Amino acid sequence: MTTDADLFHRERLLQREAEAVLDDLDLIAALETVGDPIRTGSSALGLMVKPDIDLTTACAALDLAAFDAVTHLATKLMRHERVWQVTFRDDSGAWNAEPDQYPDGLFLQVRYRSARPRDWGLDLWFVDEPQRQPDLAHLRTLLPRLTDETRAAVLRIKEEWTPRPEYGRTINGTVIYEAVLDGGVRTLPDFAEWLDRNQQKSA
């Protein structure tokens, strides 16, 4: 049976490898040439179960200079020997499909293979209205509420659910955080019951 100590140990190992990835790419220094980078997502919350790193960089403006800086960074990352894919997306202006929910942004998705080897995904957002960015809001609203008990519950549920095909579609980390922090969920059966109740409410 997986203990809380096992969950925390695996999370710490992923955190260490994440730091090594960032150091190898010299990514924080590179992002600082564009704006103010902030670690977000599960790696910032201490809730990692997958090799994913999220960073949001607050820019003064999403102007031509920002576009040039982001595309220059993409080129630099693509030249790194352990990076095998970099994808750029413009999510600003007319391309922002949900402007009421999300600020304009530029996005880089980076695929990196570590020495283990392990494939890592890095999601890099660049925004000029950081106060509207949901992942930054999570740092303010979720981080102060996490305890060892709730962290263990989240990690246990995420480890079970992340391999499933529905994860990332109908179920994601935000849903699990809500279940644990707002719904009092602590176990896998609790989570299944919570999902059933919420699906019935939305039906």
N, C-alpha and C. Protein backbone atom coordinates (compact mmCIF):
# COMPACT_ATOMS: atom_id res chain seq x y z
N MET A 1 0.84 -1.20 0.00
CA MET A 1 0.00 0.00 0.00
C MET A 1 0.87 1.25 0.00
N THR A 2 0.51 2.21 -0.82
CA THR A 2 1.26 3.45 -0.91
C THR A 2 0.98 4.32 0.31
N THR A 3 2.03 4.70 1.02
CA THR A 3 1.89 5.56 2.19
C THR A 3 2.02 7.02 1.79
N ASP A 4 1.65 7.92 2.70
CA ASP A 4 1.84 9.34 2.44
C ASP A 4 3.32 9.64 2.23
N ALA A 5 4.19 8.98 2.99
CA ALA A 5 5.63 9.19 2.84
C ALA A 5 6.10 8.81 1.44
N ASP A 6 5.54 7.73 0.88
CA ASP A 6 5.88 7.33 -0.49
C ASP A 6 5.48 8.42 -1.48
N LEU A 7 4.28 8.95 -1.31
CA LEU A 7 3.78 10.00 -2.20
C LEU A 7 4.68 11.23 -2.15
N PHE A 8 5.04 11.65 -0.94
CA PHE A 8 5.88 12.84 -0.79
C PHE A 8 7.28 12.59 -1.35
N HIS A 9 7.79 11.37 -1.18
CA HIS A 9 9.12 11.04 -1.70
C HIS A 9 9.14 11.12 -3.22
N ARG A 10 8.14 10.54 -3.87
CA ARG A 10 8.09 10.59 -5.34
C ARG A 10 7.94 12.03 -5.83
N GLU A 11 7.16 12.82 -5.10
CA GLU A 11 6.98 14.22 -5.48
C GLU A 11 8.30 14.97 -5.37
N ARG A 12 9.05 14.73 -4.30
CA ARG A 12 10.34 15.40 -4.13
C ARG A 12 11.32 15.03 -5.23
N LEU A 13 11.31 13.76 -5.64
CA LEU A 13 12.20 13.34 -6.73
C LEU A 13 11.88 14.08 -8.02
N LEU A 14 10.59 14.22 -8.32
CA LEU A 14 10.19 14.97 -9.51
C LEU A 14 10.60 16.43 -9.39
N GLN A 15 10.46 17.00 -8.21
CA GLN A 15 10.86 18.39 -8.00
C GLN A 15 12.35 18.58 -8.27
N ARG A 16 13.16 17.64 -7.78
CA ARG A 16 14.61 17.74 -8.01
C ARG A 16 14.94 17.66 -9.49
N GLU A 17 14.28 16.73 -10.18
CA GLU A 17 14.54 16.61 -11.61
C GLU A 17 14.05 17.85 -12.35
N ALA A 18 12.94 18.41 -11.91
CA ALA A 18 12.43 19.65 -12.53
C ALA A 18 13.46 20.77 -12.40
N GLU A 19 14.06 20.88 -11.22
CA GLU A 19 15.09 21.91 -11.02
C GLU A 19 16.27 21.68 -11.96
N ALA A 20 16.63 20.41 -12.15
CA ALA A 20 17.74 20.09 -13.05
C ALA A 20 17.41 20.47 -14.49
N VAL A 21 16.16 20.25 -14.89
CA VAL A 21 15.73 20.63 -16.24
C VAL A 21 15.84 22.14 -16.42
N LEU A 22 15.32 22.89 -15.46
CA LEU A 22 15.37 24.35 -15.55
C LEU A 22 16.81 24.85 -15.58
N ASP A 23 17.67 24.24 -14.76
CA ASP A 23 19.08 24.63 -14.74
C ASP A 23 19.76 24.32 -16.06
N ASP A 24 19.48 23.14 -16.61
CA ASP A 24 20.12 22.74 -17.86
C ASP A 24 19.74 23.68 -19.00
N LEU A 25 18.49 24.12 -19.00
CA LEU A 25 18.02 25.05 -20.04
C LEU A 25 18.38 26.50 -19.72
N ASP A 26 18.84 26.75 -18.49
CA ASP A 26 19.07 28.13 -18.01
C ASP A 26 17.82 28.96 -18.27
N LEU A 27 16.67 28.35 -17.97
CA LEU A 27 15.40 28.91 -18.43
C LEU A 27 14.97 30.16 -17.67
N ILE A 28 15.19 30.19 -16.36
CA ILE A 28 14.75 31.36 -15.60
C ILE A 28 15.47 32.61 -16.10
N ALA A 29 16.76 32.52 -16.30
CA ALA A 29 17.52 33.67 -16.81
C ALA A 29 17.03 34.07 -18.19
N ALA A 30 16.71 33.08 -19.03
CA ALA A 30 16.22 33.38 -20.37
C ALA A 30 14.87 34.07 -20.31
N LEU A 31 13.99 33.60 -19.42
CA LEU A 31 12.67 34.22 -19.30
C LEU A 31 12.76 35.63 -18.74
N GLU A 32 13.75 35.88 -17.90
CA GLU A 32 13.90 37.22 -17.32
C GLU A 32 14.26 38.27 -18.37
N THR A 33 14.72 37.83 -19.54
CA THR A 33 14.97 38.79 -20.62
C THR A 33 13.66 39.23 -21.27
N VAL A 34 12.57 38.50 -20.99
CA VAL A 34 11.26 38.82 -21.56
C VAL A 34 10.38 39.53 -20.54
N GLY A 35 10.48 39.14 -19.27
CA GLY A 35 9.63 39.72 -18.24
C GLY A 35 9.95 39.13 -16.88
N ASP A 36 8.92 38.98 -16.06
CA ASP A 36 9.08 38.46 -14.70
C ASP A 36 8.49 37.06 -14.62
N PRO A 37 9.34 36.01 -14.65
CA PRO A 37 8.82 34.64 -14.65
C PRO A 37 8.39 34.17 -13.26
N ILE A 38 7.27 33.45 -13.21
CA ILE A 38 6.75 32.91 -11.96
C ILE A 38 6.40 31.44 -12.17
N ARG A 39 6.92 30.59 -11.32
CA ARG A 39 6.60 29.16 -11.38
C ARG A 39 5.15 28.97 -10.96
N THR A 40 4.39 28.20 -11.73
CA THR A 40 2.98 27.97 -11.43
C THR A 40 2.69 26.47 -11.50
N GLY A 41 1.42 26.13 -11.38
CA GLY A 41 1.01 24.74 -11.56
C GLY A 41 1.48 23.83 -10.44
N SER A 42 1.50 22.54 -10.72
CA SER A 42 1.77 21.53 -9.69
C SER A 42 3.18 21.63 -9.13
N SER A 43 4.15 22.08 -9.95
CA SER A 43 5.51 22.17 -9.44
C SER A 43 5.65 23.31 -8.43
N ALA A 44 4.83 24.35 -8.57
CA ALA A 44 4.85 25.45 -7.60
C ALA A 44 4.05 25.10 -6.35
N LEU A 45 3.05 24.25 -6.50
CA LEU A 45 2.18 23.89 -5.38
C LEU A 45 2.69 22.68 -4.59
N GLY A 46 3.76 22.04 -5.09
CA GLY A 46 4.25 20.83 -4.43
C GLY A 46 3.35 19.65 -4.63
N LEU A 47 2.74 19.56 -5.84
CA LEU A 47 1.76 18.51 -6.12
C LEU A 47 2.09 17.78 -7.42
N MET A 48 3.37 17.58 -7.69
CA MET A 48 3.78 16.97 -8.95
C MET A 48 3.61 15.46 -8.94
N VAL A 49 2.99 14.93 -9.99
CA VAL A 49 2.98 13.49 -10.23
C VAL A 49 3.40 13.18 -11.66
N LYS A 50 3.52 14.21 -12.49
CA LYS A 50 3.92 14.05 -13.89
C LYS A 50 5.10 14.97 -14.18
N PRO A 51 5.92 14.65 -15.18
CA PRO A 51 7.06 15.49 -15.52
C PRO A 51 6.64 16.72 -16.34
N ASP A 52 5.93 17.61 -15.69
CA ASP A 52 5.45 18.84 -16.32
C ASP A 52 5.86 20.04 -15.49
N ILE A 53 6.25 21.11 -16.18
CA ILE A 53 6.62 22.36 -15.51
C ILE A 53 5.84 23.49 -16.17
N ASP A 54 5.24 24.34 -15.34
CA ASP A 54 4.48 25.49 -15.83
C ASP A 54 5.12 26.77 -15.32
N LEU A 55 5.31 27.72 -16.23
CA LEU A 55 5.79 29.04 -15.84
C LEU A 55 5.00 30.10 -16.59
N THR A 56 4.65 31.15 -15.88
CA THR A 56 4.00 32.30 -16.50
C THR A 56 4.92 33.51 -16.33
N THR A 57 5.18 34.20 -17.43
CA THR A 57 6.04 35.37 -17.41
C THR A 57 5.19 36.62 -17.63
N ALA A 58 5.23 37.52 -16.67
CA ALA A 58 4.50 38.79 -16.79
C ALA A 58 5.34 39.77 -17.59
N CYS A 59 4.77 40.24 -18.70
CA CYS A 59 5.46 41.17 -19.59
C CYS A 59 4.86 42.57 -19.44
N ALA A 60 5.67 43.58 -19.76
CA ALA A 60 5.16 44.95 -19.71
C ALA A 60 4.05 45.15 -20.72
N ALA A 61 4.19 44.54 -21.89
CA ALA A 61 3.18 44.64 -22.94
C ALA A 61 3.38 43.49 -23.91
N LEU A 62 2.29 43.06 -24.55
CA LEU A 62 2.40 42.05 -25.60
C LEU A 62 2.51 42.76 -26.95
N ASP A 63 3.61 43.48 -27.10
CA ASP A 63 3.84 44.25 -28.31
C ASP A 63 4.81 43.51 -29.22
N LEU A 64 5.25 44.18 -30.28
CA LEU A 64 6.16 43.55 -31.23
C LEU A 64 7.45 43.12 -30.56
N ALA A 65 7.92 43.91 -29.61
CA ALA A 65 9.15 43.55 -28.89
C ALA A 65 8.96 42.25 -28.12
N ALA A 66 7.78 42.07 -27.51
CA ALA A 66 7.51 40.83 -26.78
C ALA A 66 7.45 39.65 -27.73
N PHE A 67 6.78 39.82 -28.88
CA PHE A 67 6.73 38.76 -29.88
C PHE A 67 8.14 38.36 -30.29
N ASP A 68 8.97 39.36 -30.58
CA ASP A 68 10.34 39.08 -31.01
C ASP A 68 11.12 38.36 -29.92
N ALA A 69 10.94 38.78 -28.67
CA ALA A 69 11.66 38.16 -27.56
C ALA A 69 11.24 36.71 -27.37
N VAL A 70 9.94 36.44 -27.48
CA VAL A 70 9.44 35.07 -27.30
C VAL A 70 9.89 34.17 -28.44
N THR A 71 9.83 34.65 -29.67
CA THR A 71 10.26 33.82 -30.80
C THR A 71 11.78 33.61 -30.76
N HIS A 72 12.52 34.60 -30.28
CA HIS A 72 13.97 34.43 -30.12
C HIS A 72 14.25 33.35 -29.07
N LEU A 73 13.49 33.38 -27.98
CA LEU A 73 13.65 32.35 -26.94
C LEU A 73 13.32 30.97 -27.49
N ALA A 74 12.26 30.89 -28.31
CA ALA A 74 11.88 29.60 -28.91
C ALA A 74 13.02 29.05 -29.76
N THR A 75 13.65 29.92 -30.53
CA THR A 75 14.78 29.49 -31.37
C THR A 75 15.94 29.00 -30.51
N LYS A 76 16.22 29.73 -29.44
CA LYS A 76 17.31 29.34 -28.54
C LYS A 76 17.04 27.98 -27.90
N LEU A 77 15.81 27.78 -27.45
CA LEU A 77 15.46 26.50 -26.83
C LEU A 77 15.54 25.35 -27.83
N MET A 78 15.13 25.61 -29.06
CA MET A 78 15.12 24.56 -30.08
C MET A 78 16.53 24.07 -30.39
N ARG A 79 17.51 24.92 -30.16
CA ARG A 79 18.90 24.55 -30.44
C ARG A 79 19.51 23.69 -29.33
N HIS A 80 18.82 23.59 -28.19
CA HIS A 80 19.36 22.81 -27.07
C HIS A 80 19.33 21.33 -27.43
N GLU A 81 20.38 20.61 -27.07
CA GLU A 81 20.53 19.22 -27.50
C GLU A 81 19.47 18.29 -26.92
N ARG A 82 18.84 18.66 -25.82
CA ARG A 82 17.83 17.80 -25.20
C ARG A 82 16.40 18.21 -25.54
N VAL A 83 16.24 19.28 -26.29
CA VAL A 83 14.91 19.74 -26.70
C VAL A 83 14.59 19.19 -28.08
N TRP A 84 13.44 18.51 -28.21
CA TRP A 84 13.09 17.93 -29.50
C TRP A 84 11.86 18.57 -30.13
N GLN A 85 11.18 19.45 -29.39
CA GLN A 85 10.03 20.13 -29.99
C GLN A 85 9.75 21.42 -29.24
N VAL A 86 9.47 22.49 -29.99
CA VAL A 86 8.99 23.75 -29.43
C VAL A 86 7.82 24.20 -30.29
N THR A 87 6.68 24.46 -29.65
CA THR A 87 5.49 24.91 -30.36
C THR A 87 5.12 26.31 -29.87
N PHE A 88 4.86 27.22 -30.82
CA PHE A 88 4.46 28.59 -30.49
C PHE A 88 2.98 28.78 -30.80
N ARG A 89 2.26 29.47 -29.89
CA ARG A 89 0.86 29.80 -30.15
C ARG A 89 0.59 31.25 -29.77
N ASP A 90 -0.06 31.96 -30.67
CA ASP A 90 -0.50 33.32 -30.39
C ASP A 90 -1.92 33.25 -29.85
N ASP A 91 -2.11 33.65 -28.61
CA ASP A 91 -3.42 33.62 -27.98
C ASP A 91 -3.84 35.04 -27.60
N SER A 92 -3.51 35.99 -28.47
CA SER A 92 -3.81 37.39 -28.19
C SER A 92 -4.76 37.95 -29.25
N GLY A 93 -5.40 39.06 -28.89
CA GLY A 93 -6.29 39.73 -29.84
C GLY A 93 -7.40 38.82 -30.32
N ALA A 94 -7.58 38.77 -31.63
CA ALA A 94 -8.65 37.95 -32.22
C ALA A 94 -8.43 36.47 -31.99
N TRP A 95 -7.19 36.07 -31.69
CA TRP A 95 -6.88 34.65 -31.47
C TRP A 95 -7.21 34.19 -30.06
N ASN A 96 -7.52 35.09 -29.17
CA ASN A 96 -7.92 34.72 -27.81
C ASN A 96 -9.39 34.33 -27.86
N ALA A 97 -9.65 33.02 -27.77
CA ALA A 97 -11.02 32.51 -27.93
C ALA A 97 -11.90 32.77 -26.71
N GLU A 98 -11.28 33.02 -25.54
CA GLU A 98 -12.05 33.24 -24.31
C GLU A 98 -11.54 34.48 -23.57
N PRO A 99 -11.68 35.65 -24.19
CA PRO A 99 -11.11 36.87 -23.58
C PRO A 99 -11.76 37.25 -22.25
N ASP A 100 -12.98 36.78 -22.00
CA ASP A 100 -13.63 37.08 -20.72
C ASP A 100 -13.04 36.27 -19.57
N GLN A 101 -12.44 35.13 -19.90
CA GLN A 101 -11.89 34.25 -18.86
C GLN A 101 -10.38 34.32 -18.76
N TYR A 102 -9.71 34.62 -19.88
CA TYR A 102 -8.25 34.59 -19.90
C TYR A 102 -7.69 35.86 -20.52
N PRO A 103 -6.55 36.32 -20.02
CA PRO A 103 -5.92 37.48 -20.65
C PRO A 103 -5.27 37.08 -21.97
N ASP A 104 -4.95 38.07 -22.80
CA ASP A 104 -4.17 37.79 -23.99
C ASP A 104 -2.83 37.18 -23.58
N GLY A 105 -2.31 36.31 -24.42
CA GLY A 105 -1.04 35.69 -24.08
C GLY A 105 -0.34 35.11 -25.29
N LEU A 106 0.94 34.86 -25.10
CA LEU A 106 1.75 34.09 -26.04
C LEU A 106 2.16 32.83 -25.31
N PHE A 107 2.30 31.74 -26.05
CA PHE A 107 2.50 30.44 -25.40
C PHE A 107 3.57 29.64 -26.13
N LEU A 108 4.49 29.09 -25.36
CA LEU A 108 5.46 28.14 -25.88
C LEU A 108 5.29 26.82 -25.15
N GLN A 109 5.21 25.74 -25.91
CA GLN A 109 5.21 24.39 -25.33
C GLN A 109 6.52 23.73 -25.74
N VAL A 110 7.27 23.30 -24.74
CA VAL A 110 8.62 22.76 -24.97
C VAL A 110 8.64 21.30 -24.55
N ARG A 111 9.23 20.46 -25.39
CA ARG A 111 9.41 19.04 -25.08
C ARG A 111 10.91 18.78 -24.90
N TYR A 112 11.24 18.23 -23.73
CA TYR A 112 12.63 18.06 -23.31
C TYR A 112 12.82 16.63 -22.82
N ARG A 113 13.93 16.02 -23.20
CA ARG A 113 14.23 14.65 -22.74
C ARG A 113 15.43 14.70 -21.79
N SER A 114 15.20 14.27 -20.55
CA SER A 114 16.26 14.31 -19.55
C SER A 114 17.20 13.12 -19.71
N ALA A 115 18.26 13.11 -18.91
CA ALA A 115 19.27 12.06 -19.02
C ALA A 115 18.77 10.71 -18.52
N ARG A 116 17.63 10.66 -17.82
CA ARG A 116 17.16 9.40 -17.21
C ARG A 116 17.02 8.24 -18.19
N PRO A 117 16.37 8.26 -19.35
CA PRO A 117 15.72 9.43 -19.96
C PRO A 117 14.25 9.52 -19.53
N ARG A 118 13.77 10.76 -19.44
CA ARG A 118 12.36 11.01 -19.16
C ARG A 118 11.93 12.22 -19.98
N ASP A 119 10.77 12.12 -20.61
CA ASP A 119 10.26 13.23 -21.42
C ASP A 119 9.50 14.21 -20.54
N TRP A 120 9.91 15.47 -20.63
CA TRP A 120 9.30 16.55 -19.86
C TRP A 120 8.54 17.49 -20.78
N GLY A 121 7.44 18.03 -20.26
CA GLY A 121 6.70 19.07 -20.96
C GLY A 121 6.78 20.37 -20.17
N LEU A 122 7.13 21.44 -20.85
CA LEU A 122 7.18 22.76 -20.22
C LEU A 122 6.18 23.67 -20.92
N ASP A 123 5.25 24.21 -20.16
CA ASP A 123 4.25 25.14 -20.68
C ASP A 123 4.63 26.54 -20.22
N LEU A 124 4.95 27.39 -21.18
CA LEU A 124 5.44 28.74 -20.88
C LEU A 124 4.46 29.78 -21.41
N TRP A 125 3.82 30.49 -20.51
CA TRP A 125 2.88 31.55 -20.88
C TRP A 125 3.53 32.92 -20.69
N PHE A 126 3.19 33.84 -21.59
CA PHE A 126 3.65 35.22 -21.51
C PHE A 126 2.41 36.11 -21.57
N VAL A 127 2.16 36.88 -20.52
CA VAL A 127 0.94 37.68 -20.43
C VAL A 127 1.29 39.10 -19.97
N ASP A 128 0.41 40.05 -20.32
CA ASP A 128 0.61 41.43 -19.84
C ASP A 128 -0.46 41.85 -18.84
N GLU A 129 -1.36 40.93 -18.49
CA GLU A 129 -2.33 41.17 -17.42
C GLU A 129 -2.27 39.99 -16.44
N PRO A 130 -1.17 39.89 -15.70
CA PRO A 130 -0.99 38.71 -14.83
C PRO A 130 -2.07 38.56 -13.77
N GLN A 131 -2.70 39.67 -13.39
CA GLN A 131 -3.76 39.59 -12.37
C GLN A 131 -4.97 38.81 -12.86
N ARG A 132 -5.09 38.60 -14.18
CA ARG A 132 -6.21 37.85 -14.74
C ARG A 132 -5.84 36.40 -15.08
N GLN A 133 -4.60 36.03 -14.85
CA GLN A 133 -4.14 34.69 -15.24
C GLN A 133 -4.53 33.67 -14.17
N PRO A 134 -5.35 32.65 -14.52
CA PRO A 134 -5.83 31.70 -13.51
C PRO A 134 -4.73 30.97 -12.75
N ASP A 135 -3.64 30.59 -13.43
CA ASP A 135 -2.61 29.82 -12.71
C ASP A 135 -1.92 30.66 -11.64
N LEU A 136 -1.83 31.96 -11.86
CA LEU A 136 -1.27 32.83 -10.83
C LEU A 136 -2.26 33.01 -9.68
N ALA A 137 -3.54 33.05 -10.01
CA ALA A 137 -4.57 33.13 -8.96
C ALA A 137 -4.52 31.90 -8.06
N HIS A 138 -4.23 30.73 -8.65
CA HIS A 138 -4.16 29.50 -7.86
C HIS A 138 -3.06 29.58 -6.79
N LEU A 139 -1.96 30.25 -7.11
CA LEU A 139 -0.90 30.39 -6.11
C LEU A 139 -1.40 31.18 -4.90
N ARG A 140 -2.24 32.16 -5.15
CA ARG A 140 -2.77 32.98 -4.06
C ARG A 140 -3.87 32.27 -3.28
N THR A 141 -4.70 31.49 -3.98
CA THR A 141 -5.88 30.92 -3.34
C THR A 141 -5.68 29.49 -2.82
N LEU A 142 -4.84 28.71 -3.51
CA LEU A 142 -4.69 27.30 -3.14
C LEU A 142 -3.51 27.06 -2.20
N LEU A 143 -2.38 27.68 -2.49
CA LEU A 143 -1.16 27.38 -1.73
C LEU A 143 -1.34 27.57 -0.22
N PRO A 144 -1.97 28.66 0.24
CA PRO A 144 -2.11 28.83 1.70
C PRO A 144 -3.01 27.78 2.35
N ARG A 145 -3.82 27.09 1.56
CA ARG A 145 -4.78 26.13 2.12
C ARG A 145 -4.23 24.70 2.16
N LEU A 146 -3.08 24.48 1.58
CA LEU A 146 -2.53 23.12 1.52
C LEU A 146 -1.86 22.73 2.82
N THR A 147 -2.18 21.53 3.29
CA THR A 147 -1.54 20.93 4.45
C THR A 147 -0.96 19.59 4.02
N ASP A 148 -0.23 18.93 4.91
CA ASP A 148 0.27 17.60 4.57
C ASP A 148 -0.88 16.65 4.25
N GLU A 149 -1.98 16.78 4.99
CA GLU A 149 -3.13 15.90 4.76
C GLU A 149 -3.74 16.13 3.38
N THR A 150 -3.97 17.40 3.03
CA THR A 150 -4.60 17.67 1.73
C THR A 150 -3.63 17.42 0.58
N ARG A 151 -2.35 17.68 0.79
CA ARG A 151 -1.36 17.38 -0.25
C ARG A 151 -1.33 15.89 -0.53
N ALA A 152 -1.33 15.08 0.51
CA ALA A 152 -1.31 13.62 0.32
C ALA A 152 -2.56 13.16 -0.42
N ALA A 153 -3.71 13.74 -0.09
CA ALA A 153 -4.96 13.36 -0.77
C ALA A 153 -4.90 13.71 -2.25
N VAL A 154 -4.42 14.91 -2.55
CA VAL A 154 -4.31 15.33 -3.96
C VAL A 154 -3.34 14.43 -4.71
N LEU A 155 -2.18 14.17 -4.14
CA LEU A 155 -1.18 13.33 -4.81
C LEU A 155 -1.71 11.92 -5.05
N ARG A 156 -2.40 11.37 -4.07
CA ARG A 156 -2.93 10.01 -4.21
C ARG A 156 -3.96 9.95 -5.36
N ILE A 157 -4.84 10.92 -5.41
CA ILE A 157 -5.86 10.94 -6.46
C ILE A 157 -5.23 11.21 -7.82
N LYS A 158 -4.29 12.14 -7.87
CA LYS A 158 -3.65 12.44 -9.15
C LYS A 158 -2.87 11.24 -9.69
N GLU A 159 -2.18 10.53 -8.80
CA GLU A 159 -1.43 9.35 -9.26
C GLU A 159 -2.36 8.31 -9.88
N GLU A 160 -3.55 8.18 -9.32
CA GLU A 160 -4.51 7.22 -9.85
C GLU A 160 -5.13 7.71 -11.15
N TRP A 161 -5.40 9.01 -11.26
CA TRP A 161 -6.19 9.52 -12.38
C TRP A 161 -5.37 10.01 -13.57
N THR A 162 -4.14 10.45 -13.37
CA THR A 162 -3.39 11.02 -14.51
C THR A 162 -3.15 10.02 -15.65
N PRO A 163 -3.01 8.71 -15.39
CA PRO A 163 -2.84 7.80 -16.54
C PRO A 163 -4.12 7.56 -17.33
N ARG A 164 -5.26 7.96 -16.79
CA ARG A 164 -6.53 7.65 -17.45
C ARG A 164 -6.77 8.57 -18.65
N PRO A 165 -7.44 8.06 -19.69
CA PRO A 165 -7.65 8.86 -20.90
C PRO A 165 -8.48 10.12 -20.67
N GLU A 166 -9.35 10.10 -19.66
CA GLU A 166 -10.19 11.27 -19.41
C GLU A 166 -9.45 12.40 -18.70
N TYR A 167 -8.24 12.09 -18.17
CA TYR A 167 -7.49 13.13 -17.48
C TYR A 167 -6.98 14.14 -18.51
N GLY A 168 -7.20 15.41 -18.22
CA GLY A 168 -6.87 16.45 -19.17
C GLY A 168 -8.04 16.84 -20.04
N ARG A 169 -9.11 16.05 -19.97
CA ARG A 169 -10.34 16.36 -20.71
C ARG A 169 -11.44 16.74 -19.73
N THR A 170 -12.07 15.73 -19.14
CA THR A 170 -13.14 16.02 -18.18
C THR A 170 -12.61 16.15 -16.75
N ILE A 171 -11.45 15.56 -16.48
CA ILE A 171 -10.84 15.61 -15.15
C ILE A 171 -9.46 16.23 -15.29
N ASN A 172 -9.13 17.15 -14.38
CA ASN A 172 -7.79 17.72 -14.37
C ASN A 172 -7.41 18.08 -12.93
N GLY A 173 -6.22 18.65 -12.80
CA GLY A 173 -5.75 18.99 -11.47
C GLY A 173 -6.67 19.95 -10.73
N THR A 174 -7.21 20.92 -11.45
CA THR A 174 -8.09 21.90 -10.82
C THR A 174 -9.33 21.24 -10.21
N VAL A 175 -9.88 20.26 -10.92
CA VAL A 175 -11.04 19.52 -10.41
C VAL A 175 -10.67 18.78 -9.12
N ILE A 176 -9.50 18.16 -9.12
CA ILE A 176 -9.05 17.42 -7.94
C ILE A 176 -8.81 18.36 -6.77
N TYR A 177 -8.19 19.53 -7.04
CA TYR A 177 -7.96 20.49 -5.96
C TYR A 177 -9.29 20.94 -5.35
N GLU A 178 -10.27 21.19 -6.20
CA GLU A 178 -11.59 21.61 -5.71
C GLU A 178 -12.22 20.53 -4.84
N ALA A 179 -12.11 19.27 -5.30
CA ALA A 179 -12.70 18.16 -4.55
C ALA A 179 -12.08 18.04 -3.16
N VAL A 180 -10.75 18.17 -3.10
CA VAL A 180 -10.05 17.99 -1.83
C VAL A 180 -10.23 19.20 -0.92
N LEU A 181 -10.01 20.39 -1.46
CA LEU A 181 -9.99 21.59 -0.62
C LEU A 181 -11.39 22.12 -0.30
N ASP A 182 -12.32 21.97 -1.23
CA ASP A 182 -13.68 22.49 -1.01
C ASP A 182 -14.68 21.38 -0.67
N GLY A 183 -14.43 20.17 -1.21
CA GLY A 183 -15.39 19.09 -1.01
C GLY A 183 -15.04 18.12 0.10
N GLY A 184 -13.88 18.32 0.74
CA GLY A 184 -13.51 17.45 1.85
C GLY A 184 -13.08 16.06 1.44
N VAL A 185 -12.79 15.85 0.16
CA VAL A 185 -12.39 14.53 -0.34
C VAL A 185 -10.99 14.18 0.18
N ARG A 186 -10.82 12.93 0.61
CA ARG A 186 -9.52 12.48 1.10
C ARG A 186 -9.08 11.15 0.48
N THR A 187 -10.00 10.38 -0.05
CA THR A 187 -9.67 9.05 -0.57
C THR A 187 -10.18 8.90 -2.00
N LEU A 188 -9.72 7.85 -2.67
CA LEU A 188 -10.19 7.58 -4.04
C LEU A 188 -11.69 7.30 -4.07
N PRO A 189 -12.25 6.49 -3.15
CA PRO A 189 -13.71 6.33 -3.15
C PRO A 189 -14.45 7.64 -2.90
N ASP A 190 -13.89 8.48 -2.02
CA ASP A 190 -14.49 9.80 -1.78
C ASP A 190 -14.57 10.59 -3.09
N PHE A 191 -13.48 10.53 -3.86
CA PHE A 191 -13.42 11.30 -5.10
C PHE A 191 -14.44 10.79 -6.11
N ALA A 192 -14.57 9.46 -6.21
CA ALA A 192 -15.55 8.89 -7.13
C ALA A 192 -16.97 9.33 -6.76
N GLU A 193 -17.26 9.33 -5.46
CA GLU A 193 -18.59 9.78 -5.01
C GLU A 193 -18.78 11.27 -5.29
N TRP A 194 -17.75 12.05 -5.06
CA TRP A 194 -17.83 13.50 -5.31
C TRP A 194 -18.08 13.78 -6.79
N LEU A 195 -17.39 13.04 -7.66
CA LEU A 195 -17.61 13.20 -9.10
C LEU A 195 -19.05 12.87 -9.48
N ASP A 196 -19.56 11.78 -8.93
CA ASP A 196 -20.95 11.37 -9.23
C ASP A 196 -21.94 12.46 -8.81
N ARG A 197 -21.74 13.00 -7.62
CA ARG A 197 -22.65 14.04 -7.12
C ARG A 197 -22.61 15.28 -8.01
N ASN A 198 -21.41 15.67 -8.40
CA ASN A 198 -21.28 16.89 -9.19
C ASN A 198 -21.76 16.70 -10.62
N GLN A 199 -21.58 15.48 -11.15
CA GLN A 199 -22.10 15.21 -12.49
C GLN A 199 -23.63 15.21 -12.49
N GLN A 200 -24.22 14.70 -11.41
CA GLN A 200 -25.69 14.71 -11.31
C GLN A 200 -26.22 16.14 -11.20
N LYS A 201 -25.48 17.00 -10.49
CA LYS A 201 -25.91 18.39 -10.36
C LYS A 201 -25.87 19.12 -11.70
N SER A 202 -24.85 18.79 -12.51
CA SER A 202 -24.69 19.49 -13.79
C SER A 202 -25.53 18.88 -14.90
N ALA A 203 -26.12 17.70 -14.65
CA ALA A 203 -26.93 17.03 -15.68
C ALA A 203 -28.27 17.74 -15.89
